[in-house]
PDB file of N, CA and C in Angstrom:
ATOM      1  N   MET A   1      68.622  79.791 110.443  1.00  0.00           N
ATOM      2  CA  MET A   1      69.452  79.445 111.572  1.00  0.00           C
ATOM      3  C   MET A   1      70.663  78.589 111.187  1.00  0.00           C
ATOM      4  N   MET A   2      70.478  77.690 110.241  1.00  0.00           N
ATOM      5  CA  MET A   2      71.559  76.864 109.817  1.00  0.00           C
ATOM      6  C   MET A   2      72.637  77.671 109.069  1.00  0.00           C
ATOM      7  N   CYS A   3      72.209  78.749 108.429  1.00  0.00           N
ATOM      8  CA  CYS A   3      73.168  79.586 107.709  1.00  0.00           C
ATOM      9  C   CYS A   3      74.157  80.216 108.663  1.00  0.00           C
ATOM     10  N   ARG A   4      73.729  80.636 109.847  1.00  0.00           N
ATOM     11  CA  ARG A   4      74.641  81.215 110.797  1.00  0.00           C
ATOM     12  C   ARG A   4      75.681  80.212 111.264  1.00  0.00           C
ATOM     13  N   LYS A   5      75.233  79.006 111.578  1.00  0.00           N
ATOM     14  CA  LYS A   5      76.190  77.999 112.031  1.00  0.00           C
ATOM     15  C   LYS A   5      77.157  77.681 110.889  1.00  0.00           C
ATOM     16  N   TRP A   6      76.677  77.606 109.704  1.00  0.00           N
ATOM     17  CA  TRP A   6      77.519  77.299 108.547  1.00  0.00           C
ATOM     18  C   TRP A   6      78.605  78.376 108.357  1.00  0.00           C
ATOM     19  N   SER A   7      78.214  79.609 108.481  1.00  0.00           N
ATOM     20  CA  SER A   7      79.189  80.697 108.267  1.00  0.00           C
ATOM     21  C   SER A   7      80.212  80.747 109.389  1.00  0.00           C
ATOM     22  N   ARG A   8      79.839  80.358 110.585  1.00  0.00           N
ATOM     23  CA  ARG A   8      80.814  80.348 111.695  1.00  0.00           C
ATOM     24  C   ARG A   8      81.821  79.234 111.512  1.00  0.00           C
ATOM     25  N   VAL A   9      81.365  78.130 111.016  1.00  0.00           N
ATOM     26  CA  VAL A   9      82.269  76.980 110.844  1.00  0.00           C
ATOM     27  C   VAL A   9      83.298  77.242 109.742  1.00  0.00           C
ATOM     28  N   PHE A  10      82.925  77.868 108.690  1.00  0.00           N
ATOM     29  CA  PHE A  10      83.767  78.036 107.517  1.00  0.00           C
ATOM     30  C   PHE A  10      84.297  79.478 107.353  1.00  0.00           C
ATOM     31  N   LYS A  11      84.361  80.218 108.441  1.00  0.00           N
ATOM     32  CA  LYS A  11      84.875  81.557 108.385  1.00  0.00           C
ATOM     33  C   LYS A  11      86.369  81.495 108.130  1.00  0.00           C
ATOM     34  N   PRO A  12      86.843  82.184 107.099  1.00  0.00           N
ATOM     35  CA  PRO A  12      88.265  82.104 106.788  1.00  0.00           C
ATOM     36  C   PRO A  12      89.114  82.722 107.886  1.00  0.00           C
ATOM     37  N   THR A  13      90.204  82.105 108.230  1.00  0.00           N
ATOM     38  CA  THR A  13      91.094  82.618 109.266  1.00  0.00           C
ATOM     39  C   THR A  13      92.158  83.458 108.633  1.00  0.00           C
ATOM     40  N   ARG A  14      92.524  84.534 109.251  1.00  0.00           N
ATOM     41  CA  ARG A  14      93.573  85.410 108.734  1.00  0.00           C
ATOM     42  C   ARG A  14      94.842  85.147 109.478  1.00  0.00           C
ATOM     43  N   LYS A  15      95.929  85.012 108.699  1.00  0.00           N
ATOM     44  CA  LYS A  15      97.236  84.801 109.285  1.00  0.00           C
ATOM     45  C   LYS A  15      97.678  86.095 109.930  1.00  0.00           C
ATOM     46  N   LYS A  16      98.315  86.001 111.047  1.00  0.00           N
ATOM     47  CA  LYS A  16      98.889  87.179 111.708  1.00  0.00           C
ATOM     48  C   LYS A  16     100.186  87.541 111.043  1.00  0.00           C
ATOM     49  N   LEU A  17     100.323  88.802 110.650  1.00  0.00           N
ATOM     50  CA  LEU A  17     101.541  89.249 110.017  1.00  0.00           C
ATOM     51  C   LEU A  17     102.565  89.551 111.081  1.00  0.00           C
ATOM     52  N   VAL A  18     103.790  89.089 110.882  1.00  0.00           N
ATOM     53  CA  VAL A  18     104.867  89.345 111.791  1.00  0.00           C
ATOM     54  C   VAL A  18     105.881  90.230 111.026  1.00  0.00           C
ATOM     55  N   ILE A  19     106.113  91.393 111.577  1.00  0.00           N
ATOM     56  CA  ILE A  19     107.060  92.339 110.948  1.00  0.00           C
ATOM     57  C   ILE A  19     108.130  92.653 111.996  1.00  0.00           C
ATOM     58  N   THR A  20     109.344  92.151 111.748  1.00  0.00           N
ATOM     59  CA  THR A  20     110.431  92.417 112.668  1.00  0.00           C
ATOM     60  C   THR A  20     110.923  93.849 112.504  1.00  0.00           C
ATOM     61  N   ASP A  21     111.621  94.340 113.529  1.00  0.00           N
ATOM     62  CA  ASP A  21     112.178  95.698 113.463  1.00  0.00           C
ATOM     63  C   ASP A  21     113.167  95.799 112.323  1.00  0.00           C
ATOM     64  N   GLU A  22     113.978  94.772 112.136  1.00  0.00           N
ATOM     65  CA  GLU A  22     114.999  94.777 111.072  1.00  0.00           C
ATOM     66  C   GLU A  22     114.317  94.869 109.698  1.00  0.00           C
ATOM     67  N   TYR A  23     113.275  94.052 109.512  1.00  0.00           N
ATOM     68  CA  TYR A  23     112.516  94.035 108.246  1.00  0.00           C
ATOM     69  C   TYR A  23     111.898  95.405 108.014  1.00  0.00           C
ATOM     70  N   PHE A  24     111.269  95.950 109.043  1.00  0.00           N
ATOM     71  CA  PHE A  24     110.637  97.274 108.959  1.00  0.00           C
ATOM     72  C   PHE A  24     111.619  98.334 108.540  1.00  0.00           C
ATOM     73  N   GLN A  25     112.807  98.358 109.168  1.00  0.00           N
ATOM     74  CA  GLN A  25     113.824  99.356 108.844  1.00  0.00           C
ATOM     75  C   GLN A  25     114.309  99.215 107.415  1.00  0.00           C
ATOM     76  N   ARG A  26     114.570  97.964 107.006  1.00  0.00           N
ATOM     77  CA  ARG A  26     115.075  97.707 105.650  1.00  0.00           C
ATOM     78  C   ARG A  26     114.061  98.141 104.586  1.00  0.00           C
ATOM     79  N   VAL A  27     112.812  97.772 104.809  1.00  0.00           N
ATOM     80  CA  VAL A  27     111.747  98.107 103.832  1.00  0.00           C
ATOM     81  C   VAL A  27     111.531  99.612 103.776  1.00  0.00           C
ATOM     82  N   THR A  28     111.398 100.265 104.944  1.00  0.00           N
ATOM     83  CA  THR A  28     111.143 101.683 104.941  1.00  0.00           C
ATOM     84  C   THR A  28     112.297 102.475 104.285  1.00  0.00           C
ATOM     85  N   GLN A  29     113.512 102.019 104.502  1.00  0.00           N
ATOM     86  CA  GLN A  29     114.662 102.693 103.849  1.00  0.00           C
ATOM     87  C   GLN A  29     114.545 102.561 102.319  1.00  0.00           C
ATOM     88  N   ALA A  30     114.203 101.369 101.848  1.00  0.00           N
ATOM     89  CA  ALA A  30     114.068 101.156 100.411  1.00  0.00           C
ATOM     90  C   ALA A  30     112.924 102.004  99.829  1.00  0.00           C
ATOM     91  N   LEU A  31     111.809 102.034 100.538  1.00  0.00           N
ATOM     92  CA  LEU A  31     110.653 102.801 100.064  1.00  0.00           C
ATOM     93  C   LEU A  31     110.962 104.315 100.010  1.00  0.00           C
ATOM     94  N   VAL A  32     111.641 104.800 101.046  1.00  0.00           N
ATOM     95  CA  VAL A  32     112.007 106.207 101.116  1.00  0.00           C
ATOM     96  C   VAL A  32     112.944 106.545  99.971  1.00  0.00           C
ATOM     97  N   MET A  33     113.936 105.653  99.731  1.00  0.00           N
ATOM     98  CA  MET A  33     114.870 105.880  98.609  1.00  0.00           C
ATOM     99  C   MET A  33     114.119 105.982  97.273  1.00  0.00           C
ATOM    100  N   CYS A  34     113.170 105.075  97.072  1.00  0.00           N
ATOM    101  CA  CYS A  34     112.383 105.109  95.817  1.00  0.00           C
ATOM    102  C   CYS A  34     111.592 106.389  95.701  1.00  0.00           C
ATOM    103  N   LEU A  35     110.932 106.812  96.810  1.00  0.00           N
ATOM    104  CA  LEU A  35     110.159 108.032  96.797  1.00  0.00           C
ATOM    105  C   LEU A  35     111.034 109.257  96.516  1.00  0.00           C
ATOM    106  N   ARG A  36     112.198 109.303  97.125  1.00  0.00           N
ATOM    107  CA  ARG A  36     113.136 110.431  96.907  1.00  0.00           C
ATOM    108  C   ARG A  36     113.607 110.482  95.463  1.00  0.00           C
ATOM    109  N   GLN A  37     113.924 109.315  94.888  1.00  0.00           N
ATOM    110  CA  GLN A  37     114.346 109.277  93.492  1.00  0.00           C
ATOM    111  C   GLN A  37     113.222 109.744  92.575  1.00  0.00           C
ATOM    112  N   HIS A  38     112.008 109.281  92.888  1.00  0.00           N
ATOM    113  CA  HIS A  38     110.842 109.686  92.098  1.00  0.00           C
ATOM    114  C   HIS A  38     110.610 111.200  92.192  1.00  0.00           C
ATOM    115  N   GLU A  39     110.707 111.701  93.410  1.00  0.00           N
ATOM    116  CA  GLU A  39     110.512 113.147  93.618  1.00  0.00           C
ATOM    117  C   GLU A  39     111.576 113.960  92.899  1.00  0.00           C
ATOM    118  N   GLU A  40     112.811 113.491  92.922  1.00  0.00           N
ATOM    119  CA  GLU A  40     113.905 114.182  92.225  1.00  0.00           C
ATOM    120  C   GLU A  40     113.655 114.191  90.713  1.00  0.00           C
ATOM    121  N   THR A  41     113.217 113.083  90.175  1.00  0.00           N
ATOM    122  CA  THR A  41     112.933 112.988  88.749  1.00  0.00           C
ATOM    123  C   THR A  41     111.801 113.932  88.355  1.00  0.00           C
ATOM    124  N   ILE A  42     110.754 113.957  89.136  1.00  0.00           N
ATOM    125  CA  ILE A  42     109.601 114.824  88.870  1.00  0.00           C
ATOM    126  C   ILE A  42     110.004 116.296  88.959  1.00  0.00           C
ATOM    127  N   THR A  43     110.829 116.603  89.973  1.00  0.00           N
ATOM    128  CA  THR A  43     111.270 117.988  90.156  1.00  0.00           C
ATOM    129  C   THR A  43     112.136 118.453  88.991  1.00  0.00           C
ATOM    130  N   GLN A  44     113.040 117.594  88.540  1.00  0.00           N
ATOM    131  CA  GLN A  44     113.905 117.957  87.434  1.00  0.00           C
ATOM    132  C   GLN A  44     113.138 118.135  86.118  1.00  0.00           C
ATOM    133  N   GLU A  45     112.145 117.280  85.944  1.00  0.00           N
ATOM    134  CA  GLU A  45     111.347 117.379  84.719  1.00  0.00           C
ATOM    135  C   GLU A  45     110.304 118.485  84.788  1.00  0.00           C
ATOM    136  N   GLY A  46     109.974 118.877  86.037  1.00  0.00           N
ATOM    137  CA  GLY A  46     108.945 119.914  86.233  1.00  0.00           C
ATOM    138  C   GLY A  46     107.572 119.473  85.839  1.00  0.00           C
ATOM    139  N   THR A  47     107.298 118.181  85.986  1.00  0.00           N
ATOM    140  CA  THR A  47     105.989 117.634  85.595  1.00  0.00           C
ATOM    141  C   THR A  47     105.209 117.145  86.810  1.00  0.00           C
ATOM    142  N   GLY A  48     104.164 117.806  87.175  1.00  0.00           N
ATOM    143  CA  GLY A  48     103.217 117.292  88.145  1.00  0.00           C
ATOM    144  C   GLY A  48     103.721 117.279  89.572  1.00  0.00           C
ATOM    145  N   LEU A  49     102.994 116.537  90.394  1.00  0.00           N
ATOM    146  CA  LEU A  49     103.267 116.406  91.798  1.00  0.00           C
ATOM    147  C   LEU A  49     104.303 115.294  92.050  1.00  0.00           C
ATOM    148  N   ALA A  50     104.974 115.406  93.167  1.00  0.00           N
ATOM    149  CA  ALA A  50     106.046 114.468  93.472  1.00  0.00           C
ATOM    150  C   ALA A  50     105.542 113.178  94.113  1.00  0.00           C
ATOM    151  N   GLY A  51     104.280 113.085  94.437  1.00  0.00           N
ATOM    152  CA  GLY A  51     103.727 111.894  95.080  1.00  0.00           C
ATOM    153  C   GLY A  51     103.783 110.638  94.209  1.00  0.00           C
ATOM    154  N   MET A  52     103.494 109.526  94.844  1.00  0.00           N
ATOM    155  CA  MET A  52     103.492 108.232  94.173  1.00  0.00           C
ATOM    156  C   MET A  52     102.393 107.396  94.717  1.00  0.00           C
ATOM    157  N   ARG A  53     101.692 106.673  93.904  1.00  0.00           N
ATOM    158  CA  ARG A  53     100.605 105.795  94.388  1.00  0.00           C
ATOM    159  C   ARG A  53     101.173 104.636  95.170  1.00  0.00           C
ATOM    160  N   GLN A  54     100.406 104.228  96.189  1.00  0.00           N
ATOM    161  CA  GLN A  54     100.852 103.112  97.019  1.00  0.00           C
ATOM    162  C   GLN A  54     101.080 101.858  96.198  1.00  0.00           C
ATOM    163  N   ARG A  55     100.198 101.587  95.272  1.00  0.00           N
ATOM    164  CA  ARG A  55     100.297 100.354  94.494  1.00  0.00           C
ATOM    165  C   ARG A  55     101.582 100.378  93.623  1.00  0.00           C
ATOM    166  N   ASP A  56     101.919 101.576  93.109  1.00  0.00           N
ATOM    167  CA  ASP A  56     103.137 101.729  92.298  1.00  0.00           C
ATOM    168  C   ASP A  56     104.373 101.503  93.157  1.00  0.00           C
ATOM    169  N   LEU A  57     104.343 101.977  94.369  1.00  0.00           N
ATOM    170  CA  LEU A  57     105.450 101.819  95.298  1.00  0.00           C
ATOM    171  C   LEU A  57     105.605 100.343  95.681  1.00  0.00           C
ATOM    172  N   ILE A  58     104.489  99.682  95.948  1.00  0.00           N
ATOM    173  CA  ILE A  58     104.512  98.267  96.269  1.00  0.00           C
ATOM    174  C   ILE A  58     105.020  97.453  95.087  1.00  0.00           C
ATOM    175  N   GLN A  59     104.524  97.758  93.899  1.00  0.00           N
ATOM    176  CA  GLN A  59     104.957  97.034  92.684  1.00  0.00           C
ATOM    177  C   GLN A  59     106.456  97.213  92.460  1.00  0.00           C
ATOM    178  N   TRP A  60     106.956  98.422  92.709  1.00  0.00           N
ATOM    179  CA  TRP A  60     108.379  98.661  92.553  1.00  0.00           C
ATOM    180  C   TRP A  60     109.181  97.795  93.528  1.00  0.00           C
ATOM    181  N   TYR A  61     108.756  97.765  94.801  1.00  0.00           N
ATOM    182  CA  TYR A  61     109.511  97.004  95.813  1.00  0.00           C
ATOM    183  C   TYR A  61     109.479  95.502  95.477  1.00  0.00           C
ATOM    184  N   VAL A  62     108.322  95.005  95.152  1.00  0.00           N
ATOM    185  CA  VAL A  62     108.185  93.553  94.827  1.00  0.00           C
ATOM    186  C   VAL A  62     109.013  93.210  93.603  1.00  0.00           C
ATOM    187  N   ALA A  63     109.033  94.105  92.606  1.00  0.00           N
ATOM    188  CA  ALA A  63     109.847  93.865  91.398  1.00  0.00           C
ATOM    189  C   ALA A  63     111.349  93.824  91.751  1.00  0.00           C
ATOM    190  N   GLN A  64     111.759  94.708  92.652  1.00  0.00           N
ATOM    191  CA  GLN A  64     113.173  94.743  93.089  1.00  0.00           C
ATOM    192  C   GLN A  64     113.516  93.446  93.792  1.00  0.00           C
ATOM    193  N   GLN A  65     112.647  92.959  94.673  1.00  0.00           N
ATOM    194  CA  GLN A  65     112.901  91.734  95.383  1.00  0.00           C
ATOM    195  C   GLN A  65     112.830  90.511  94.460  1.00  0.00           C
ATOM    196  N   ASN A  66     111.941  90.567  93.485  1.00  0.00           N
ATOM    197  CA  ASN A  66     111.801  89.492  92.498  1.00  0.00           C
ATOM    198  C   ASN A  66     113.055  89.347  91.651  1.00  0.00           C
ATOM    199  N   GLU A  67     113.657  90.461  91.275  1.00  0.00           N
ATOM    200  CA  GLU A  67     114.901  90.455  90.522  1.00  0.00           C
ATOM    201  C   GLU A  67     116.020  89.745  91.300  1.00  0.00           C
ATOM    202  N   LYS A  68     115.983  89.860  92.617  1.00  0.00           N
ATOM    203  CA  LYS A  68     116.958  89.217  93.457  1.00  0.00           C
ATOM    204  C   LYS A  68     116.577  87.769  93.802  1.00  0.00           C
ATOM    205  N   ASN A  69     115.499  87.259  93.187  1.00  0.00           N
ATOM    206  CA  ASN A  69     114.998  85.915  93.446  1.00  0.00           C
ATOM    207  C   ASN A  69     114.708  85.693  94.932  1.00  0.00           C
ATOM    208  N   ASN A  70     114.092  86.638  95.571  1.00  0.00           N
ATOM    209  CA  ASN A  70     113.788  86.495  97.006  1.00  0.00           C
ATOM    210  C   ASN A  70     112.469  85.780  97.297  1.00  0.00           C
ATOM    211  N   TYR A  71     111.717  85.419  96.269  1.00  0.00           N
ATOM    212  CA  TYR A  71     110.454  84.748  96.438  1.00  0.00           C
ATOM    213  C   TYR A  71     110.547  83.337  95.856  1.00  0.00           C
ATOM    214  N   SER A  72     110.191  82.381  96.670  1.00  0.00           N
ATOM    215  CA  SER A  72     110.170  80.996  96.150  1.00  0.00           C
ATOM    216  C   SER A  72     108.757  80.555  95.753  1.00  0.00           C
ATOM    217  N   SER A  73     107.772  81.375  96.102  1.00  0.00           N
ATOM    218  CA  SER A  73     106.397  81.055  95.741  1.00  0.00           C
ATOM    219  C   SER A  73     105.569  82.322  95.618  1.00  0.00           C
ATOM    220  N   MET A  74     104.405  82.198  94.995  1.00  0.00           N
ATOM    221  CA  MET A  74     103.489  83.336  94.883  1.00  0.00           C
ATOM    222  C   MET A  74     102.957  83.684  96.279  1.00  0.00           C
ATOM    223  N   GLU A  75     102.825  82.692  97.158  1.00  0.00           N
ATOM    224  CA  GLU A  75     102.343  82.927  98.505  1.00  0.00           C
ATOM    225  C   GLU A  75     103.300  83.857  99.265  1.00  0.00           C
ATOM    226  N   GLU A  76     104.610  83.652  99.092  1.00  0.00           N
ATOM    227  CA  GLU A  76     105.601  84.522  99.704  1.00  0.00           C
ATOM    228  C   GLU A  76     105.435  85.956  99.224  1.00  0.00           C
ATOM    229  N   ALA A  77     105.271  86.108  97.908  1.00  0.00           N
ATOM    230  CA  ALA A  77     105.099  87.465  97.316  1.00  0.00           C
ATOM    231  C   ALA A  77     103.818  88.109  97.863  1.00  0.00           C
ATOM    232  N   ALA A  78     102.752  87.324  97.982  1.00  0.00           N
ATOM    233  CA  ALA A  78     101.481  87.852  98.484  1.00  0.00           C
ATOM    234  C   ALA A  78     101.593  88.287  99.948  1.00  0.00           C
ATOM    235  N   THR A  79     102.344  87.490 100.724  1.00  0.00           N
ATOM    236  CA  THR A  79     102.551  87.858 102.130  1.00  0.00           C
ATOM    237  C   THR A  79     103.372  89.130 102.210  1.00  0.00           C
ATOM    238  N   GLU A  80     104.361  89.265 101.343  1.00  0.00           N
ATOM    239  CA  GLU A  80     105.195  90.471 101.340  1.00  0.00           C
ATOM    240  C   GLU A  80     104.331  91.694 100.991  1.00  0.00           C
ATOM    241  N   VAL A  81     103.425  91.554 100.023  1.00  0.00           N
ATOM    242  CA  VAL A  81     102.535  92.639  99.654  1.00  0.00           C
ATOM    243  C   VAL A  81     101.668  93.058 100.865  1.00  0.00           C
ATOM    244  N   SER A  82     101.178  92.085 101.599  1.00  0.00           N
ATOM    245  CA  SER A  82     100.389  92.377 102.794  1.00  0.00           C
ATOM    246  C   SER A  82     101.235  93.152 103.839  1.00  0.00           C
ATOM    247  N   LYS A  83     102.454  92.734 104.026  1.00  0.00           N
ATOM    248  CA  LYS A  83     103.348  93.397 104.974  1.00  0.00           C
ATOM    249  C   LYS A  83     103.644  94.842 104.480  1.00  0.00           C
ATOM    250  N   LEU A  84     103.851  94.992 103.214  1.00  0.00           N
ATOM    251  CA  LEU A  84     104.140  96.335 102.664  1.00  0.00           C
ATOM    252  C   LEU A  84     102.958  97.246 102.887  1.00  0.00           C
ATOM    253  N   LYS A  85     101.761  96.766 102.647  1.00  0.00           N
ATOM    254  CA  LYS A  85     100.567  97.567 102.845  1.00  0.00           C
ATOM    255  C   LYS A  85     100.449  97.976 104.307  1.00  0.00           C
ATOM    256  N   ALA A  86     100.751  97.063 105.231  1.00  0.00           N
ATOM    257  CA  ALA A  86     100.667  97.354 106.652  1.00  0.00           C
ATOM    258  C   ALA A  86     101.711  98.409 107.008  1.00  0.00           C
ATOM    259  N   ILE A  87     102.901  98.304 106.480  1.00  0.00           N
ATOM    260  CA  ILE A  87     103.931  99.281 106.784  1.00  0.00           C
ATOM    261  C   ILE A  87     103.585 100.664 106.235  1.00  0.00           C
ATOM    262  N   ILE A  88     103.081 100.724 105.029  1.00  0.00           N
ATOM    263  CA  ILE A  88     102.720 101.993 104.435  1.00  0.00           C
ATOM    264  C   ILE A  88     101.597 102.663 105.173  1.00  0.00           C
ATOM    265  N   GLU A  89     100.645 101.889 105.706  1.00  0.00           N
ATOM    266  CA  GLU A  89      99.498 102.455 106.378  1.00  0.00           C
ATOM    267  C   GLU A  89      99.769 102.841 107.835  1.00  0.00           C
ATOM    268  N   ILE A  90     100.952 102.541 108.321  1.00  0.00           N
ATOM    269  CA  ILE A  90     101.271 102.882 109.745  1.00  0.00           C
ATOM    270  C   ILE A  90     101.286 104.367 109.918  1.00  0.00           C
TER     271      ILE A  90
END
């Protein structure tokens, strides 16, 4: 019985993700651009399917933003990854 009380007290809280319409539009445009470039490259080379793994797409976006010094902390980058996953899964 004490275990139940203990787990309720220390249950981790999840932060609510806020995705503005402007952010959503900007990110989706960038992701679509990356996917189209990837598809074009694959089509020209004639190698395999044109798809791309979600993690590769997320890594590409985060790397692009990191080059622009858009993250001041690892927490910001982690939050961005969570937002990207949410956008991709919509």
